[in-house]
Amino acid sequence: MTTITLNRQQVNQIVKLATQFEHVEWFTITEDNSNGIGSNMHVQFNMFDDARKDYDTTVDITDTTTW
């Protein structure tokens, strides 16, 4: 099982994305620890109906105030 912990600000950003992009059915949350400071959180989804791409849109929801 994979656990991703989000704070209230990040959850609210996801809600805002889901509200603004009503036509999007699936959102994927990814975590990247490559910067060496803290984890970067991203929400990825397809804004355009293009089956050739996994995701065409990525939104950074990283909250650096906790670093």
C-alpha atoms as a PDB file:
ATOM      1  CA  MET A   1       0.000   0.000   0.000  1.00  0.00           C
ATOM      2  CA  THR A   2       1.237   3.500  -0.838  1.00  0.00           C
ATOM      3  CA  THR A   3       0.365   6.363   1.476  1.00  0.00           C
ATOM      4  CA  ILE A   4       0.485   9.990   0.377  1.00  0.00           C
ATOM      5  CA  THR A   5      -0.128  12.603   3.048  1.00  0.00           C
ATOM      6  CA  LEU A   6      -1.590  15.944   1.991  1.00  0.00           C
ATOM      7  CA  ASN A   7      -2.267  19.016   4.058  1.00  0.00           C
ATOM      8  CA  ARG A   8      -5.483  21.035   3.887  1.00  0.00           C
ATOM      9  CA  GLN A   9      -4.034  23.541   1.395  1.00  0.00           C
ATOM     10  CA  GLN A  10      -3.118  20.739  -1.014  1.00  0.00           C
ATOM     11  CA  VAL A  11      -6.525  19.101  -0.677  1.00  0.00           C
ATOM     12  CA  ASN A  12      -8.200  22.448  -1.380  1.00  0.00           C
ATOM     13  CA  GLN A  13      -6.049  22.862  -4.498  1.00  0.00           C
ATOM     14  CA  ILE A  14      -7.193  19.451  -5.734  1.00  0.00           C
ATOM     15  CA  VAL A  15     -10.828  20.372  -5.075  1.00  0.00           C
ATOM     16  CA  LYS A  16     -10.337  23.606  -7.016  1.00  0.00           C
ATOM     17  CA  LEU A  17      -8.851  21.684  -9.966  1.00  0.00           C
ATOM     18  CA  ALA A  18     -11.723  19.187  -9.938  1.00  0.00           C
ATOM     19  CA  THR A  19     -14.254  22.030  -9.824  1.00  0.00           C
ATOM     20  CA  GLN A  20     -12.646  24.080 -12.598  1.00  0.00           C
ATOM     21  CA  PHE A  21     -12.105  21.123 -14.918  1.00  0.00           C
ATOM     22  CA  GLU A  22     -15.453  19.334 -14.661  1.00  0.00           C
ATOM     23  CA  HIS A  23     -14.844  17.352 -17.851  1.00  0.00           C
ATOM     24  CA  VAL A  24     -11.764  15.627 -16.372  1.00  0.00           C
ATOM     25  CA  GLU A  25     -12.645  12.242 -14.866  1.00  0.00           C
ATOM     26  CA  TRP A  26      -9.274  11.071 -13.491  1.00  0.00           C
ATOM     27  CA  PHE A  27      -6.593  12.857 -11.472  1.00  0.00           C
ATOM     28  CA  THR A  28      -3.273  11.244 -10.519  1.00  0.00           C
ATOM     29  CA  ILE A  29      -1.231  12.425  -7.538  1.00  0.00           C
ATOM     30  CA  THR A  30       2.515  11.886  -7.797  1.00  0.00           C
ATOM     31  CA  GLU A  31       5.319  12.502  -5.330  1.00  0.00           C
ATOM     32  CA  ASP A  32       8.891  13.275  -6.355  1.00  0.00           C
ATOM     33  CA  ASN A  33      11.763  13.370  -3.858  1.00  0.00           C
ATOM     34  CA  SER A  34      14.541  14.177  -6.320  1.00  0.00           C
ATOM     35  CA  ASN A  35      15.254  17.722  -5.087  1.00  0.00           C
ATOM     36  CA  GLY A  36      16.863  16.568  -1.816  1.00  0.00           C
ATOM     37  CA  ILE A  37      14.931  19.020   0.366  1.00  0.00           C
ATOM     38  CA  GLY A  38      11.381  17.714   0.574  1.00  0.00           C
ATOM     39  CA  SER A  39       8.815  15.966  -1.520  1.00  0.00           C
ATOM     40  CA  ASN A  40       7.213  17.664  -4.515  1.00  0.00           C
ATOM     41  CA  MET A  41       3.558  16.835  -5.013  1.00  0.00           C
ATOM     42  CA  HIS A  42       1.930  17.016  -8.438  1.00  0.00           C
ATOM     43  CA  VAL A  43      -1.566  16.462  -9.787  1.00  0.00           C
ATOM     44  CA  GLN A  44      -1.595  15.121 -13.335  1.00  0.00           C
ATOM     45  CA  PHE A  45      -4.518  14.758 -15.710  1.00  0.00           C
ATOM     46  CA  ASN A  46      -5.546  14.928 -19.346  1.00  0.00           C
ATOM     47  CA  MET A  47      -7.153  18.230 -20.179  1.00  0.00           C
ATOM     48  CA  PHE A  48      -7.365  17.308 -23.855  1.00  0.00           C
ATOM     49  CA  ASP A  49      -8.622  14.001 -25.194  1.00  0.00           C
ATOM     50  CA  ASP A  50      -5.334  12.674 -26.540  1.00  0.00           C
ATOM     51  CA  ALA A  51      -4.826   8.942 -26.088  1.00  0.00           C
ATOM     52  CA  ARG A  52      -1.188   9.241 -27.170  1.00  0.00           C
ATOM     53  CA  LYS A  53      -0.202  10.924 -23.903  1.00  0.00           C
ATOM     54  CA  ASP A  54      -0.415   9.625 -20.366  1.00  0.00           C
ATOM     55  CA  TYR A  55      -0.938  13.164 -19.058  1.00  0.00           C
ATOM     56  CA  ASP A  56      -0.907  16.488 -20.819  1.00  0.00           C
ATOM     57  CA  THR A  57      -1.295  18.655 -17.717  1.00  0.00           C
ATOM     58  CA  THR A  58       0.723  18.719 -14.494  1.00  0.00           C
ATOM     59  CA  VAL A  59       0.002  21.061 -11.583  1.00  0.00           C
ATOM     60  CA  ASP A  60       2.506  21.444  -8.752  1.00  0.00           C
ATOM     61  CA  ILE A  61       0.745  21.439  -5.364  1.00  0.00           C
ATOM     62  CA  THR A  62       3.920  21.327  -3.254  1.00  0.00           C
ATOM     63  CA  ASP A  63       3.633  23.185   0.035  1.00  0.00           C
ATOM     64  CA  THR A  64       7.173  24.329   0.837  1.00  0.00           C
ATOM     65  CA  THR A  65       6.126  25.963   4.124  1.00  0.00           C
ATOM     66  CA  THR A  66       6.594  22.602   5.844  1.00  0.00           C
ATOM     67  CA  TRP A  67      10.221  22.187   4.737  1.00  0.00           C
END
